[in-house]
Amino acid sequence: MLCSICVRGGSKGVKNKNIRLINGKPLIAYTIEQAKKSGLFEHVVISTDSDEIADVAKKYGGEVFFKRASELSHDKAAKIPVIRDALLRSEEYFGNKFDYVVDLDATSPLREVDDILKAFEVFKTKGYDNLFSVTSSHRSPYFNMIEVVDGKVKLVKPSSFIRRQDVPETYDMNASIYIWKRDVLLNNDTLFLENTGIYVMPKERSFDIDDEIDFKIVEFLLKEKDVEK
């Protein structure tokens, strides 16, 4: 099994967020440590275009043996090709093929080691081709999400439901855990396949750092976790 952690430099929402100290430790360190503590992986490989990120990642046990190409490092680059690139480079470097790839997002440090283990257990038990983590939607698209089309305000998902309790369960992708079978990753460019699964995480472990407000919320929650320990 291979773990990939894909982190580029030049983040716009929060400057240098992947190595910025949060509760006294670089953000990327939380994810590296979780991957290693899980005991699942032969290798925890870092994909980055930044020498600074690479140096910090190495200090916490991440393996950095290549520099991500510029065409996979701009802010519009898709995630799946980056994970695929990490897999193929790792197979060439280590001289063997990996059956499974688990990608962990460094901007979601509130996940727990148990989430990684349970997500993989669901993936294997159900026989999914790929799986990603989610959390229950805070707002339902059947009631709360709107869009403006041709100057008119409309529900994103119009329906005949009258009570909020009757609408189908919906989920938000929480950018935390992604699991792939090797051949599925190599041959697909979308997350949404015929045999895709999800692993549901609680809201308190599903914050993804995208801006300064997210950073402050996650830092507060990390401090709360330390107090509980």
C-alpha atoms as a PDB file:
ATOM      1  CA  MET A   1       0.000   0.000   0.000  1.00  0.00           C
ATOM      2  CA  LEU A   2       1.131   3.505  -0.818  1.00  0.00           C
ATOM      3  CA  CYS A   3       0.152   6.745   0.928  1.00  0.00           C
ATOM      4  CA  SER A   4       0.437   9.937  -1.090  1.00  0.00           C
ATOM      5  CA  ILE A   5       0.281  13.423   0.388  1.00  0.00           C
ATOM      6  CA  CYS A   6       0.052  16.030  -2.358  1.00  0.00           C
ATOM      7  CA  VAL A   7       1.058  19.552  -1.313  1.00  0.00           C
ATOM      8  CA  ARG A   8       2.081  22.368  -3.587  1.00  0.00           C
ATOM      9  CA  GLY A   9       3.656  25.705  -2.754  1.00  0.00           C
ATOM     10  CA  GLY A  10       2.078  29.047  -3.544  1.00  0.00           C
ATOM     11  CA  SER A  11      -1.290  28.513  -1.867  1.00  0.00           C
ATOM     12  CA  LYS A  12      -3.484  31.604  -2.254  1.00  0.00           C
ATOM     13  CA  GLY A  13      -6.112  31.322   0.481  1.00  0.00           C
ATOM     14  CA  VAL A  14      -3.572  30.912   3.298  1.00  0.00           C
ATOM     15  CA  LYS A  15       0.054  31.768   2.496  1.00  0.00           C
ATOM     16  CA  ASN A  16       2.435  28.826   2.956  1.00  0.00           C
ATOM     17  CA  LYS A  17      -0.397  26.958   4.690  1.00  0.00           C
ATOM     18  CA  ASN A  18       1.053  23.469   4.265  1.00  0.00           C
ATOM     19  CA  ILE A  19       4.082  24.293   6.422  1.00  0.00           C
ATOM     20  CA  ARG A  20       2.608  27.078   8.531  1.00  0.00           C
ATOM     21  CA  LEU A  21       2.669  26.336  12.232  1.00  0.00           C
ATOM     22  CA  ILE A  22      -0.716  25.399  13.638  1.00  0.00           C
ATOM     23  CA  ASN A  23      -0.915  24.627  17.329  1.00  0.00           C
ATOM     24  CA  GLY A  24       2.877  24.539  17.387  1.00  0.00           C
ATOM     25  CA  LYS A  25       3.484  22.152  14.471  1.00  0.00           C
ATOM     26  CA  PRO A  26       3.669  22.485  10.652  1.00  0.00           C
ATOM     27  CA  LEU A  27       0.304  21.657   9.109  1.00  0.00           C
ATOM     28  CA  ILE A  28       1.688  18.871   6.914  1.00  0.00           C
ATOM     29  CA  ALA A  29       3.204  17.140   9.969  1.00  0.00           C
ATOM     30  CA  TYR A  30      -0.225  16.099  11.291  1.00  0.00           C
ATOM     31  CA  THR A  31      -1.064  14.120   8.159  1.00  0.00           C
ATOM     32  CA  ILE A  32       2.376  12.505   7.856  1.00  0.00           C
ATOM     33  CA  GLU A  33       2.206  11.379  11.479  1.00  0.00           C
ATOM     34  CA  GLN A  34      -1.328  10.003  11.062  1.00  0.00           C
ATOM     35  CA  ALA A  35      -0.283   8.006   7.998  1.00  0.00           C
ATOM     36  CA  LYS A  36       2.719   6.522   9.762  1.00  0.00           C
ATOM     37  CA  LYS A  37       0.785   5.711  12.952  1.00  0.00           C
ATOM     38  CA  SER A  38      -1.874   3.851  10.955  1.00  0.00           C
ATOM     39  CA  GLY A  39       0.621   1.101  10.141  1.00  0.00           C
ATOM     40  CA  LEU A  40      -1.035   0.574   6.750  1.00  0.00           C
ATOM     41  CA  PHE A  41       1.642   1.885   4.441  1.00  0.00           C
ATOM     42  CA  GLU A  42       4.977   0.696   3.140  1.00  0.00           C
ATOM     43  CA  HIS A  43       5.743   4.266   2.103  1.00  0.00           C
ATOM     44  CA  VAL A  44       4.381   7.743   2.822  1.00  0.00           C
ATOM     45  CA  VAL A  45       5.321   9.754  -0.265  1.00  0.00           C
ATOM     46  CA  ILE A  46       5.126  13.533  -0.588  1.00  0.00           C
ATOM     47  CA  SER A  47       4.338  15.114  -3.964  1.00  0.00           C
ATOM     48  CA  THR A  48       5.381  18.763  -3.980  1.00  0.00           C
ATOM     49  CA  ASP A  49       6.924  21.448  -6.175  1.00  0.00           C
ATOM     50  CA  SER A  50       8.382  23.271  -3.156  1.00  0.00           C
ATOM     51  CA  ASP A  51      11.851  22.657  -1.720  1.00  0.00           C
ATOM     52  CA  GLU A  52      10.753  24.268   1.532  1.00  0.00           C
ATOM     53  CA  ILE A  53       7.780  21.926   1.909  1.00  0.00           C
ATOM     54  CA  ALA A  54      10.015  18.979   1.008  1.00  0.00           C
ATOM     55  CA  ASP A  55      12.500  19.848   3.755  1.00  0.00           C
ATOM     56  CA  VAL A  56       9.771  20.126   6.394  1.00  0.00           C
ATOM     57  CA  ALA A  57       8.081  16.909   5.244  1.00  0.00           C
ATOM     58  CA  LYS A  58      11.345  14.961   5.511  1.00  0.00           C
ATOM     59  CA  LYS A  59      11.793  16.085   9.125  1.00  0.00           C
ATOM     60  CA  TYR A  60       8.508  14.393  10.026  1.00  0.00           C
ATOM     61  CA  GLY A  61       9.147  11.163   8.137  1.00  0.00           C
ATOM     62  CA  GLY A  62       7.703  11.905   4.708  1.00  0.00           C
ATOM     63  CA  GLU A  63       9.553  10.443   1.719  1.00  0.00           C
ATOM     64  CA  VAL A  64      10.460  13.025  -0.925  1.00  0.00           C
ATOM     65  CA  PHE A  65      12.437  11.712  -3.891  1.00  0.00           C
ATOM     66  CA  PHE A  66      11.029  13.775  -6.778  1.00  0.00           C
ATOM     67  CA  LYS A  67       9.877  17.304  -7.495  1.00  0.00           C
ATOM     68  CA  ARG A  68       6.399  17.659  -8.958  1.00  0.00           C
ATOM     69  CA  ALA A  69       6.331  19.010 -12.513  1.00  0.00           C
ATOM     70  CA  SER A  70       5.111  22.575 -13.077  1.00  0.00           C
ATOM     71  CA  GLU A  71       2.180  21.437 -15.224  1.00  0.00           C
ATOM     72  CA  LEU A  72       0.822  19.534 -12.191  1.00  0.00           C
ATOM     73  CA  SER A  73       1.502  22.344  -9.712  1.00  0.00           C
ATOM     74  CA  HIS A  74      -0.619  25.319 -10.775  1.00  0.00           C
ATOM     75  CA  ASP A  75      -3.806  26.195  -8.894  1.00  0.00           C
ATOM     76  CA  LYS A  76      -6.049  24.757 -11.622  1.00  0.00           C
ATOM     77  CA  ALA A  77      -4.297  21.394 -11.839  1.00  0.00           C
ATOM     78  CA  ALA A  78      -6.625  18.425 -11.227  1.00  0.00           C
ATOM     79  CA  LYS A  79      -5.968  16.212  -8.199  1.00  0.00           C
ATOM     80  CA  ILE A  80      -6.256  12.771  -9.795  1.00  0.00           C
ATOM     81  CA  PRO A  81      -3.366  13.217 -12.273  1.00  0.00           C
ATOM     82  CA  VAL A  82      -1.197  14.376  -9.372  1.00  0.00           C
ATOM     83  CA  ILE A  83      -1.965  11.230  -7.342  1.00  0.00           C
ATOM     84  CA  ARG A  84      -1.408   9.080 -10.439  1.00  0.00           C
ATOM     85  CA  ASP A  85       1.955  10.767 -11.001  1.00  0.00           C
ATOM     86  CA  ALA A  86       2.964  10.056  -7.386  1.00  0.00           C
ATOM     87  CA  LEU A  87       2.005   6.391  -7.818  1.00  0.00           C
ATOM     88  CA  LEU A  88       3.964   5.880 -11.045  1.00  0.00           C
ATOM     89  CA  ARG A  89       7.037   7.697  -9.732  1.00  0.00           C
ATOM     90  CA  SER A  90       6.901   5.629  -6.542  1.00  0.00           C
ATOM     91  CA  GLU A  91       6.644   2.359  -8.442  1.00  0.00           C
ATOM     92  CA  GLU A  92       9.656   3.293 -10.549  1.00  0.00           C
ATOM     93  CA  TYR A  93      11.660   4.493  -7.534  1.00  0.00           C
ATOM     94  CA  PHE A  94      10.902   1.568  -5.214  1.00  0.00           C
ATOM     95  CA  GLY A  95      10.871  -1.051  -7.968  1.00  0.00           C
ATOM     96  CA  ASN A  96       7.489  -2.617  -7.207  1.00  0.00           C
ATOM     97  CA  LYS A  97       3.777  -2.126  -7.879  1.00  0.00           C
ATOM     98  CA  PHE A  98       1.298  -1.001  -5.226  1.00  0.00           C
ATOM     99  CA  ASP A  99      -2.159  -2.561  -5.084  1.00  0.00           C
ATOM    100  CA  TYR A 100      -3.780   0.428  -3.387  1.00  0.00           C
ATOM    101  CA  VAL A 101      -3.170   4.148  -3.066  1.00  0.00           C
ATOM    102  CA  VAL A 102      -4.516   6.194  -0.159  1.00  0.00           C
ATOM    103  CA  ASP A 103      -4.235   9.933  -0.635  1.00  0.00           C
ATOM    104  CA  LEU A 104      -4.489  12.085   2.483  1.00  0.00           C
ATOM    105  CA  ASP A 105      -5.033  15.819   2.178  1.00  0.00           C
ATOM    106  CA  ALA A 106      -2.683  17.854   4.372  1.00  0.00           C
ATOM    107  CA  THR A 107      -5.302  20.574   4.832  1.00  0.00           C
ATOM    108  CA  SER A 108      -7.518  18.233   6.878  1.00  0.00           C
ATOM    109  CA  PRO A 109      -5.497  17.613  10.061  1.00  0.00           C
ATOM    110  CA  LEU A 110      -8.515  16.869  12.281  1.00  0.00           C
ATOM    111  CA  ARG A 111      -8.967  13.359  10.872  1.00  0.00           C
ATOM    112  CA  GLU A 112      -7.885  10.609  13.238  1.00  0.00           C
ATOM    113  CA  VAL A 113      -5.779   7.524  12.573  1.00  0.00           C
ATOM    114  CA  ASP A 114      -8.932   5.484  13.179  1.00  0.00           C
ATOM    115  CA  ASP A 115     -10.638   7.285  10.275  1.00  0.00           C
ATOM    116  CA  ILE A 116      -7.916   6.086   7.912  1.00  0.00           C
ATOM    117  CA  LEU A 117      -8.189   2.514   9.190  1.00  0.00           C
ATOM    118  CA  LYS A 118     -11.985   2.420   9.096  1.00  0.00           C
ATOM    119  CA  ALA A 119     -12.176   4.030   5.659  1.00  0.00           C
ATOM    120  CA  PHE A 120      -9.866   1.358   4.263  1.00  0.00           C
ATOM    121  CA  GLU A 121     -11.869  -1.347   6.022  1.00  0.00           C
ATOM    122  CA  VAL A 122     -15.084  -0.097   4.367  1.00  0.00           C
ATOM    123  CA  PHE A 123     -13.293   0.092   1.016  1.00  0.00           C
ATOM    124  CA  LYS A 124     -12.030  -3.492   1.247  1.00  0.00           C
ATOM    125  CA  THR A 125     -15.132  -5.038   2.832  1.00  0.00           C
ATOM    126  CA  LYS A 126     -17.505  -3.537   0.273  1.00  0.00           C
ATOM    127  CA  GLY A 127     -15.165  -4.223  -2.640  1.00  0.00           C
ATOM    128  CA  TYR A 128     -15.241  -0.650  -3.940  1.00  0.00           C
ATOM    129  CA  ASP A 129     -13.042   0.512  -6.809  1.00  0.00           C
ATOM    130  CA  ASN A 130     -12.445   3.820  -5.071  1.00  0.00           C
ATOM    131  CA  LEU A 131     -13.683   5.634  -1.996  1.00  0.00           C
ATOM    132  CA  PHE A 132     -13.580   9.146  -0.577  1.00  0.00           C
ATOM    133  CA  SER A 133     -14.522  10.650   2.765  1.00  0.00           C
ATOM    134  CA  VAL A 134     -17.544  12.883   3.336  1.00  0.00           C
ATOM    135  CA  THR A 135     -19.551  14.494   6.093  1.00  0.00           C
ATOM    136  CA  SER A 136     -23.314  15.029   6.309  1.00  0.00           C
ATOM    137  CA  SER A 137     -24.348  18.188   4.495  1.00  0.00           C
ATOM    138  CA  HIS A 138     -24.757  21.212   6.717  1.00  0.00           C
ATOM    139  CA  ARG A 139     -27.325  22.618   4.292  1.00  0.00           C
ATOM    140  CA  SER A 140     -29.550  20.560   2.052  1.00  0.00           C
ATOM    141  CA  PRO A 141     -29.583  21.430  -1.667  1.00  0.00           C
ATOM    142  CA  TYR A 142     -33.309  20.633  -1.586  1.00  0.00           C
ATOM    143  CA  PHE A 143     -34.017  23.549   0.768  1.00  0.00           C
ATOM    144  CA  ASN A 144     -31.058  25.859   1.349  1.00  0.00           C
ATOM    145  CA  MET A 145     -28.884  26.069  -1.749  1.00  0.00           C
ATOM    146  CA  ILE A 146     -29.843  28.554  -4.431  1.00  0.00           C
ATOM    147  CA  GLU A 147     -28.448  29.797  -7.715  1.00  0.00           C
ATOM    148  CA  VAL A 148     -29.209  32.673 -10.047  1.00  0.00           C
ATOM    149  CA  VAL A 149     -30.064  31.559 -13.584  1.00  0.00           C
ATOM    150  CA  ASP A 150     -30.784  34.191 -16.242  1.00  0.00           C
ATOM    151  CA  GLY A 151     -31.368  36.717 -13.478  1.00  0.00           C
ATOM    152  CA  LYS A 152     -33.850  34.512 -11.601  1.00  0.00           C
ATOM    153  CA  VAL A 153     -33.262  33.007  -8.163  1.00  0.00           C
ATOM    154  CA  LYS A 154     -33.858  29.243  -8.061  1.00  0.00           C
ATOM    155  CA  LEU A 155     -33.195  26.273  -5.827  1.00  0.00           C
ATOM    156  CA  VAL A 156     -30.170  24.315  -6.997  1.00  0.00           C
ATOM    157  CA  LYS A 157     -32.237  21.139  -6.704  1.00  0.00           C
ATOM    158  CA  PRO A 158     -35.976  21.902  -7.005  1.00  0.00           C
ATOM    159  CA  SER A 159     -38.218  19.298  -5.428  1.00  0.00           C
ATOM    160  CA  SER A 160     -41.724  18.585  -4.155  1.00  0.00           C
ATOM    161  CA  PHE A 161     -40.540  17.892  -0.589  1.00  0.00           C
ATOM    162  CA  ILE A 162     -42.365  19.940   2.032  1.00  0.00           C
ATOM    163  CA  ARG A 163     -40.589  18.819   5.191  1.00  0.00           C
ATOM    164  CA  ARG A 164     -36.845  19.017   5.631  1.00  0.00           C
ATOM    165  CA  GLN A 165     -36.964  15.618   7.393  1.00  0.00           C
ATOM    166  CA  ASP A 166     -38.212  13.938   4.204  1.00  0.00           C
ATOM    167  CA  VAL A 167     -35.408  14.932   1.843  1.00  0.00           C
ATOM    168  CA  PRO A 168     -32.727  12.393   0.856  1.00  0.00           C
ATOM    169  CA  GLU A 169     -29.530  12.367   2.905  1.00  0.00           C
ATOM    170  CA  THR A 170     -26.805  14.401   1.213  1.00  0.00           C
ATOM    171  CA  TYR A 171     -23.112  14.713   1.958  1.00  0.00           C
ATOM    172  CA  ASP A 172     -20.291  17.196   1.532  1.00  0.00           C
ATOM    173  CA  MET A 173     -16.917  15.974   0.329  1.00  0.00           C
ATOM    174  CA  ASN A 174     -14.524  16.873   3.134  1.00  0.00           C
ATOM    175  CA  ALA A 175     -11.197  16.639   1.281  1.00  0.00           C
ATOM    176  CA  SER A 176      -9.628  14.247   3.770  1.00  0.00           C
ATOM    177  CA  ILE A 177      -9.252  10.634   2.536  1.00  0.00           C
ATOM    178  CA  TYR A 178      -9.203   9.195  -0.995  1.00  0.00           C
ATOM    179  CA  ILE A 179      -8.612   5.493  -1.684  1.00  0.00           C
ATOM    180  CA  TRP A 180      -7.995   3.869  -5.063  1.00  0.00           C
ATOM    181  CA  LYS A 181      -7.326   0.471  -6.530  1.00  0.00           C
ATOM    182  CA  ARG A 182      -4.210   0.842  -8.643  1.00  0.00           C
ATOM    183  CA  ASP A 183      -5.730   0.014 -12.045  1.00  0.00           C
ATOM    184  CA  VAL A 184      -8.781   2.166 -11.374  1.00  0.00           C
ATOM    185  CA  LEU A 185      -6.599   5.186 -10.606  1.00  0.00           C
ATOM    186  CA  LEU A 186      -4.517   4.622 -13.728  1.00  0.00           C
ATOM    187  CA  ASN A 187      -7.545   4.427 -16.014  1.00  0.00           C
ATOM    188  CA  ASN A 188      -9.981   7.060 -14.732  1.00  0.00           C
ATOM    189  CA  ASP A 189     -10.048  10.839 -14.404  1.00  0.00           C
ATOM    190  CA  THR A 190     -13.140  11.165 -12.241  1.00  0.00           C
ATOM    191  CA  LEU A 191     -13.974  10.254  -8.641  1.00  0.00           C
ATOM    192  CA  PHE A 192     -17.517   9.254  -9.499  1.00  0.00           C
ATOM    193  CA  LEU A 193     -17.536   5.723 -10.874  1.00  0.00           C
ATOM    194  CA  GLU A 194     -20.067   2.884 -10.958  1.00  0.00           C
ATOM    195  CA  ASN A 195     -18.469   1.291  -7.897  1.00  0.00           C
ATOM    196  CA  THR A 196     -17.471   4.304  -5.785  1.00  0.00           C
ATOM    197  CA  GLY A 197     -17.939   4.277  -2.009  1.00  0.00           C
ATOM    198  CA  ILE A 198     -17.964   6.873   0.748  1.00  0.00           C
ATOM    199  CA  TYR A 199     -16.773   6.956   4.335  1.00  0.00           C
ATOM    200  CA  VAL A 200     -18.773   9.310   6.561  1.00  0.00           C
ATOM    201  CA  MET A 201     -16.883  11.410   9.113  1.00  0.00           C
ATOM    202  CA  PRO A 202     -18.365  13.714  11.771  1.00  0.00           C
ATOM    203  CA  LYS A 203     -18.345  17.447  11.194  1.00  0.00           C
ATOM    204  CA  GLU A 204     -15.809  18.112  13.962  1.00  0.00           C
ATOM    205  CA  ARG A 205     -13.196  16.107  12.032  1.00  0.00           C
ATOM    206  CA  SER A 206     -14.154  17.370   8.575  1.00  0.00           C
ATOM    207  CA  PHE A 207     -12.814  20.926   8.415  1.00  0.00           C
ATOM    208  CA  ASP A 208     -10.633  21.603   5.374  1.00  0.00           C
ATOM    209  CA  ILE A 209      -8.350  24.648   5.559  1.00  0.00           C
ATOM    210  CA  ASP A 210      -9.011  26.892   2.582  1.00  0.00           C
ATOM    211  CA  ASP A 211      -8.824  30.375   4.105  1.00  0.00           C
ATOM    212  CA  GLU A 212      -7.800  32.204   7.277  1.00  0.00           C
ATOM    213  CA  ILE A 213     -11.139  31.593   9.009  1.00  0.00           C
ATOM    214  CA  ASP A 214     -10.768  27.845   8.419  1.00  0.00           C
ATOM    215  CA  PHE A 215      -7.238  28.033   9.790  1.00  0.00           C
ATOM    216  CA  LYS A 216      -8.410  29.689  13.008  1.00  0.00           C
ATOM    217  CA  ILE A 217     -11.259  27.195  13.476  1.00  0.00           C
ATOM    218  CA  VAL A 218      -8.975  24.189  12.965  1.00  0.00           C
ATOM    219  CA  GLU A 219      -6.314  25.629  15.264  1.00  0.00           C
ATOM    220  CA  PHE A 220      -8.932  26.098  17.989  1.00  0.00           C
ATOM    221  CA  LEU A 221     -10.175  22.520  17.571  1.00  0.00           C
ATOM    222  CA  LEU A 222      -6.639  21.106  17.642  1.00  0.00           C
ATOM    223  CA  LYS A 223      -6.010  22.919  20.918  1.00  0.00           C
ATOM    224  CA  GLU A 224      -9.267  21.522  22.289  1.00  0.00           C
ATOM    225  CA  LYS A 225      -8.145  18.001  21.360  1.00  0.00           C
ATOM    226  CA  ASP A 226      -4.856  18.533  23.196  1.00  0.00           C
ATOM    227  CA  VAL A 227      -6.714  19.666  26.288  1.00  0.00           C
ATOM    228  CA  GLU A 228      -8.930  16.550  26.165  1.00  0.00           C
ATOM    229  CA  LYS A 229      -5.843  14.336  26.021  1.00  0.00           C
END
